[in-house]
Amino acid sequence: MPGIWRQKLDCQMGFIRSDEAGAFLAFLVDRGNDMKNMRAINGSSAGTISLKEILDYVEKRIGKEAKINPAGETAPYNGMRDYSINTARAQKLGFQFSDLHDWIYGLLDYYIDEM
């Protein structure tokens, strides 16, 4: 892969499972009046992963090398910078998020098997 793509692929990003996002929203709704004076509260699984780590896993799992075309269509995660989500406020309220690495590879396996 050319250097510019490697740099963009190495950016660390946070994610959350859809069921966990739903559980988190329900948790916040159940807090009702306790939430009226609260500022923004973030939700995200603990940890980060890069697109490079995801590509490496998929390449190894399917036995083929990914082809990245710099002239291809712009994708939602192109050009992302490193980021993680601070969930301290949610944890202070008592919500515990899962670890990203405990579920991301199972999700990737699911979609690989669907192909």
N, C-alpha and C. Protein backbone atom coordinates (compact mmCIF):
# COMPACT_ATOMS: atom_id res chain seq x y z
N MET A 1 0.84 -1.19 0.00
CA MET A 1 0.00 0.00 0.00
C MET A 1 0.88 1.25 0.00
N PRO A 2 0.53 2.23 -0.78
CA PRO A 2 1.29 3.48 -0.75
C PRO A 2 1.24 4.11 0.64
N GLY A 3 2.29 4.88 0.97
CA GLY A 3 2.42 5.47 2.29
C GLY A 3 1.23 6.28 2.77
N ILE A 4 0.64 7.09 1.89
CA ILE A 4 -0.49 7.93 2.33
C ILE A 4 -1.66 7.06 2.78
N TRP A 5 -1.89 5.95 2.11
CA TRP A 5 -2.99 5.08 2.52
C TRP A 5 -2.67 4.38 3.81
N ARG A 6 -1.43 3.97 4.00
CA ARG A 6 -1.04 3.32 5.25
C ARG A 6 -1.28 4.25 6.42
N GLN A 7 -0.92 5.51 6.26
CA GLN A 7 -1.10 6.48 7.33
C GLN A 7 -2.57 6.60 7.70
N LYS A 8 -3.44 6.69 6.74
CA LYS A 8 -4.87 6.82 7.00
C LYS A 8 -5.44 5.53 7.57
N LEU A 9 -4.93 4.40 7.15
CA LEU A 9 -5.42 3.12 7.64
C LEU A 9 -5.00 2.85 9.07
N ASP A 10 -3.95 3.49 9.55
CA ASP A 10 -3.46 3.26 10.90
C ASP A 10 -4.19 4.07 11.96
N CYS A 11 -5.09 4.95 11.57
CA CYS A 11 -5.82 5.77 12.53
C CYS A 11 -6.69 4.89 13.42
N GLN A 12 -6.62 5.13 14.71
CA GLN A 12 -7.42 4.39 15.69
C GLN A 12 -8.80 5.03 15.82
N MET A 13 -9.84 4.19 15.84
CA MET A 13 -11.21 4.68 15.92
C MET A 13 -11.99 3.86 16.94
N GLY A 14 -13.00 4.49 17.51
CA GLY A 14 -13.88 3.81 18.44
C GLY A 14 -15.19 3.42 17.77
N PHE A 15 -15.80 2.37 18.27
CA PHE A 15 -17.08 1.89 17.74
C PHE A 15 -17.96 1.43 18.90
N ILE A 16 -19.23 1.22 18.61
CA ILE A 16 -20.17 0.67 19.58
C ILE A 16 -21.11 -0.27 18.85
N ARG A 17 -21.46 -1.39 19.49
CA ARG A 17 -22.44 -2.31 18.90
C ARG A 17 -23.81 -1.66 18.94
N SER A 18 -24.64 -1.94 17.97
CA SER A 18 -25.98 -1.33 17.92
C SER A 18 -26.83 -1.72 19.12
N ASP A 19 -26.74 -2.99 19.57
CA ASP A 19 -27.53 -3.40 20.72
C ASP A 19 -27.06 -2.70 22.00
N GLU A 20 -25.76 -2.45 22.08
CA GLU A 20 -25.22 -1.75 23.25
C GLU A 20 -25.61 -0.28 23.22
N ALA A 21 -25.65 0.31 22.03
CA ALA A 21 -26.09 1.70 21.91
C ALA A 21 -27.54 1.82 22.36
N GLY A 22 -28.37 0.86 21.96
CA GLY A 22 -29.77 0.85 22.38
C GLY A 22 -29.91 0.69 23.88
N ALA A 23 -29.14 -0.22 24.45
CA ALA A 23 -29.17 -0.43 25.90
C ALA A 23 -28.72 0.82 26.64
N PHE A 24 -27.74 1.51 26.10
CA PHE A 24 -27.24 2.74 26.71
C PHE A 24 -28.31 3.83 26.68
N LEU A 25 -28.98 3.98 25.54
CA LEU A 25 -30.05 4.98 25.44
C LEU A 25 -31.18 4.66 26.42
N ALA A 26 -31.55 3.39 26.52
CA ALA A 26 -32.59 3.00 27.48
C ALA A 26 -32.14 3.28 28.91
N PHE A 27 -30.89 3.02 29.20
CA PHE A 27 -30.31 3.32 30.51
C PHE A 27 -30.46 4.80 30.83
N LEU A 28 -30.16 5.66 29.87
CA LEU A 28 -30.26 7.11 30.08
C LEU A 28 -31.72 7.53 30.26
N VAL A 29 -32.64 6.96 29.48
CA VAL A 29 -34.05 7.29 29.61
C VAL A 29 -34.55 6.92 31.00
N ASP A 30 -34.11 5.77 31.50
CA ASP A 30 -34.53 5.32 32.83
C ASP A 30 -34.07 6.26 33.94
N ARG A 31 -33.06 7.07 33.66
CA ARG A 31 -32.56 8.02 34.66
C ARG A 31 -33.46 9.24 34.76
N GLY A 32 -34.34 9.46 33.74
CA GLY A 32 -35.35 10.52 33.75
C GLY A 32 -34.86 11.87 34.23
N ASN A 33 -35.41 12.33 35.33
CA ASN A 33 -35.12 13.66 35.85
C ASN A 33 -33.65 13.86 36.22
N ASP A 34 -32.95 12.78 36.53
CA ASP A 34 -31.52 12.89 36.85
C ASP A 34 -30.72 13.42 35.67
N MET A 35 -31.29 13.32 34.47
CA MET A 35 -30.57 13.68 33.25
C MET A 35 -30.82 15.13 32.80
N LYS A 36 -31.77 15.83 33.42
CA LYS A 36 -32.16 17.16 32.94
C LYS A 36 -31.03 18.17 32.90
N ASN A 37 -30.15 18.14 33.86
CA ASN A 37 -29.05 19.11 33.91
C ASN A 37 -27.72 18.52 33.45
N MET A 38 -27.77 17.35 32.85
CA MET A 38 -26.55 16.69 32.39
C MET A 38 -26.08 17.27 31.07
N ARG A 39 -24.78 17.33 30.92
CA ARG A 39 -24.19 17.70 29.63
C ARG A 39 -24.12 16.45 28.76
N ALA A 40 -23.49 16.57 27.62
CA ALA A 40 -23.38 15.44 26.69
C ALA A 40 -22.75 14.23 27.38
N ILE A 41 -23.29 13.07 27.05
CA ILE A 41 -22.78 11.81 27.59
C ILE A 41 -22.47 10.92 26.40
N ASN A 42 -21.24 10.48 26.30
CA ASN A 42 -20.79 9.67 25.16
C ASN A 42 -21.00 8.19 25.41
N GLY A 43 -21.22 7.47 24.33
CA GLY A 43 -21.30 6.02 24.39
C GLY A 43 -20.36 5.40 23.38
N SER A 44 -19.57 4.43 23.81
CA SER A 44 -18.64 3.74 22.92
C SER A 44 -18.09 2.53 23.65
N SER A 45 -17.83 1.48 22.89
CA SER A 45 -17.13 0.35 23.48
C SER A 45 -15.75 0.80 23.93
N ALA A 46 -15.20 0.13 24.92
CA ALA A 46 -13.87 0.46 25.41
C ALA A 46 -12.83 0.01 24.39
N GLY A 47 -11.89 0.88 24.09
CA GLY A 47 -10.81 0.54 23.17
C GLY A 47 -11.04 1.09 21.78
N THR A 48 -10.01 0.96 20.95
CA THR A 48 -10.06 1.42 19.57
C THR A 48 -9.46 0.36 18.66
N ILE A 49 -9.70 0.54 17.37
CA ILE A 49 -9.14 -0.35 16.36
C ILE A 49 -8.91 0.48 15.10
N SER A 50 -7.94 0.10 14.31
CA SER A 50 -7.67 0.81 13.06
C SER A 50 -8.25 0.04 11.88
N LEU A 51 -8.47 0.76 10.78
CA LEU A 51 -8.91 0.08 9.57
C LEU A 51 -7.86 -0.92 9.10
N LYS A 52 -6.60 -0.62 9.36
CA LYS A 52 -5.52 -1.54 9.00
C LYS A 52 -5.67 -2.86 9.75
N GLU A 53 -5.97 -2.78 11.04
CA GLU A 53 -6.18 -4.00 11.82
C GLU A 53 -7.36 -4.81 11.28
N ILE A 54 -8.42 -4.11 10.89
CA ILE A 54 -9.58 -4.78 10.33
C ILE A 54 -9.23 -5.42 8.99
N LEU A 55 -8.56 -4.67 8.12
CA LEU A 55 -8.16 -5.23 6.82
C LEU A 55 -7.23 -6.43 6.99
N ASP A 56 -6.25 -6.32 7.88
CA ASP A 56 -5.33 -7.43 8.12
C ASP A 56 -6.10 -8.68 8.56
N TYR A 57 -7.06 -8.50 9.45
CA TYR A 57 -7.85 -9.63 9.94
C TYR A 57 -8.65 -10.26 8.80
N VAL A 58 -9.32 -9.43 8.01
CA VAL A 58 -10.14 -9.94 6.91
C VAL A 58 -9.27 -10.62 5.87
N GLU A 59 -8.13 -10.00 5.52
CA GLU A 59 -7.22 -10.62 4.55
C GLU A 59 -6.77 -12.00 5.01
N LYS A 60 -6.40 -12.10 6.27
CA LYS A 60 -5.93 -13.38 6.81
C LYS A 60 -7.07 -14.39 6.83
N ARG A 61 -8.24 -13.96 7.21
CA ARG A 61 -9.40 -14.85 7.33
C ARG A 61 -9.86 -15.38 5.98
N ILE A 62 -9.83 -14.55 4.93
CA ILE A 62 -10.31 -15.00 3.62
C ILE A 62 -9.18 -15.45 2.68
N GLY A 63 -7.93 -15.18 3.08
CA GLY A 63 -6.81 -15.62 2.28
C GLY A 63 -6.58 -14.81 1.01
N LYS A 64 -7.03 -13.57 1.01
CA LYS A 64 -6.83 -12.70 -0.15
C LYS A 64 -6.36 -11.33 0.33
N GLU A 65 -5.60 -10.66 -0.54
CA GLU A 65 -5.11 -9.33 -0.22
C GLU A 65 -6.11 -8.27 -0.65
N ALA A 66 -6.33 -7.28 0.21
CA ALA A 66 -7.23 -6.17 -0.13
C ALA A 66 -6.60 -5.31 -1.21
N LYS A 67 -7.41 -4.86 -2.12
CA LYS A 67 -6.96 -3.95 -3.17
C LYS A 67 -7.51 -2.57 -2.86
N ILE A 68 -6.63 -1.62 -2.61
CA ILE A 68 -7.05 -0.26 -2.29
C ILE A 68 -6.72 0.63 -3.47
N ASN A 69 -7.72 1.27 -4.01
CA ASN A 69 -7.56 2.12 -5.17
C ASN A 69 -7.66 3.58 -4.72
N PRO A 70 -6.55 4.32 -4.72
CA PRO A 70 -6.59 5.73 -4.30
C PRO A 70 -7.56 6.57 -5.13
N ALA A 71 -7.91 6.13 -6.33
CA ALA A 71 -8.83 6.88 -7.19
C ALA A 71 -10.28 6.42 -6.99
N GLY A 72 -10.51 5.50 -6.07
CA GLY A 72 -11.85 4.98 -5.84
C GLY A 72 -12.77 5.99 -5.18
N GLU A 73 -14.01 5.57 -4.99
CA GLU A 73 -15.01 6.43 -4.35
C GLU A 73 -14.60 6.75 -2.92
N THR A 74 -14.95 7.95 -2.48
CA THR A 74 -14.69 8.35 -1.11
C THR A 74 -15.61 7.56 -0.18
N ALA A 75 -15.03 6.96 0.84
CA ALA A 75 -15.79 6.19 1.82
C ALA A 75 -15.93 7.00 3.11
N PRO A 76 -16.90 6.65 3.97
CA PRO A 76 -17.14 7.43 5.18
C PRO A 76 -15.92 7.58 6.10
N TYR A 77 -15.05 6.58 6.14
CA TYR A 77 -13.91 6.65 7.06
C TYR A 77 -12.61 7.12 6.41
N ASN A 78 -12.65 7.48 5.13
CA ASN A 78 -11.45 7.99 4.47
C ASN A 78 -10.97 9.26 5.16
N GLY A 79 -9.69 9.36 5.40
CA GLY A 79 -9.10 10.57 5.95
C GLY A 79 -9.38 10.81 7.42
N MET A 80 -9.86 9.79 8.13
CA MET A 80 -10.14 9.95 9.55
C MET A 80 -8.84 10.19 10.33
N ARG A 81 -8.98 10.90 11.43
CA ARG A 81 -7.86 11.06 12.36
C ARG A 81 -8.10 10.13 13.54
N ASP A 82 -7.04 9.85 14.30
CA ASP A 82 -7.18 9.03 15.50
C ASP A 82 -8.22 9.65 16.43
N TYR A 83 -9.02 8.81 17.04
CA TYR A 83 -9.93 9.31 18.06
C TYR A 83 -10.38 8.15 18.95
N SER A 84 -10.74 8.50 20.15
CA SER A 84 -11.41 7.57 21.05
C SER A 84 -12.52 8.37 21.73
N ILE A 85 -13.44 7.68 22.33
CA ILE A 85 -14.60 8.33 22.94
C ILE A 85 -14.46 8.25 24.46
N ASN A 86 -14.57 9.40 25.11
CA ASN A 86 -14.50 9.46 26.57
C ASN A 86 -15.88 9.11 27.13
N THR A 87 -15.95 7.99 27.82
CA THR A 87 -17.22 7.51 28.38
C THR A 87 -17.27 7.67 29.90
N ALA A 88 -16.44 8.53 30.45
CA ALA A 88 -16.35 8.68 31.92
C ALA A 88 -17.69 9.08 32.54
N ARG A 89 -18.44 9.96 31.91
CA ARG A 89 -19.74 10.38 32.47
C ARG A 89 -20.72 9.21 32.52
N ALA A 90 -20.76 8.41 31.47
CA ALA A 90 -21.65 7.25 31.45
C ALA A 90 -21.24 6.25 32.52
N GLN A 91 -19.95 6.03 32.67
CA GLN A 91 -19.47 5.10 33.69
C GLN A 91 -19.78 5.62 35.09
N LYS A 92 -19.68 6.93 35.28
CA LYS A 92 -19.99 7.52 36.57
C LYS A 92 -21.46 7.29 36.94
N LEU A 93 -22.33 7.27 35.92
CA LEU A 93 -23.75 6.99 36.14
C LEU A 93 -24.02 5.50 36.38
N GLY A 94 -23.03 4.65 36.07
CA GLY A 94 -23.17 3.23 36.32
C GLY A 94 -23.27 2.36 35.08
N PHE A 95 -23.11 2.92 33.89
CA PHE A 95 -23.17 2.11 32.68
C PHE A 95 -21.77 1.62 32.32
N GLN A 96 -21.65 0.32 32.11
CA GLN A 96 -20.36 -0.28 31.76
C GLN A 96 -20.41 -0.76 30.32
N PHE A 97 -19.53 -0.24 29.47
CA PHE A 97 -19.48 -0.63 28.07
C PHE A 97 -18.61 -1.86 27.89
N SER A 98 -18.90 -2.63 26.85
CA SER A 98 -18.10 -3.80 26.52
C SER A 98 -16.75 -3.36 25.94
N ASP A 99 -15.83 -4.29 25.87
CA ASP A 99 -14.54 -4.04 25.23
C ASP A 99 -14.68 -4.32 23.74
N LEU A 100 -14.27 -3.37 22.93
CA LEU A 100 -14.37 -3.48 21.47
C LEU A 100 -13.77 -4.79 20.95
N HIS A 101 -12.62 -5.17 21.48
CA HIS A 101 -11.93 -6.36 20.96
C HIS A 101 -12.61 -7.66 21.37
N ASP A 102 -13.57 -7.59 22.30
CA ASP A 102 -14.32 -8.79 22.68
C ASP A 102 -15.40 -9.14 21.65
N TRP A 103 -15.79 -8.19 20.79
CA TRP A 103 -16.88 -8.48 19.85
C TRP A 103 -16.59 -8.14 18.39
N ILE A 104 -15.61 -7.29 18.11
CA ILE A 104 -15.41 -6.82 16.72
C ILE A 104 -15.03 -7.96 15.77
N TYR A 105 -14.22 -8.90 16.22
CA TYR A 105 -13.79 -9.97 15.31
C TYR A 105 -14.93 -10.95 15.04
N GLY A 106 -15.79 -11.17 16.01
CA GLY A 106 -16.98 -11.99 15.78
C GLY A 106 -17.91 -11.34 14.77
N LEU A 107 -18.04 -10.02 14.83
CA LEU A 107 -18.86 -9.29 13.87
C LEU A 107 -18.25 -9.40 12.47
N LEU A 108 -16.94 -9.23 12.38
CA LEU A 108 -16.27 -9.38 11.09
C LEU A 108 -16.47 -10.79 10.54
N ASP A 109 -16.34 -11.80 11.41
CA ASP A 109 -16.56 -13.18 10.99
C ASP A 109 -17.97 -13.38 10.45
N TYR A 110 -18.94 -12.79 11.11
CA TYR A 110 -20.33 -12.90 10.67
C TYR A 110 -20.47 -12.40 9.23
N TYR A 111 -19.93 -11.20 8.94
CA TYR A 111 -20.07 -10.64 7.60
C TYR A 111 -19.21 -11.37 6.58
N ILE A 112 -18.07 -11.87 6.99
CA ILE A 112 -17.25 -12.68 6.07
C ILE A 112 -18.03 -13.95 5.70
N ASP A 113 -18.63 -14.60 6.68
CA ASP A 113 -19.38 -15.83 6.42
C ASP A 113 -20.62 -15.58 5.56
N GLU A 114 -21.16 -14.37 5.62
CA GLU A 114 -22.33 -14.01 4.81
C GLU A 114 -21.97 -13.83 3.34
N MET A 115 -20.69 -13.57 3.06
CA MET A 115 -20.27 -13.30 1.67
C MET A 115 -20.30 -14.55 0.82
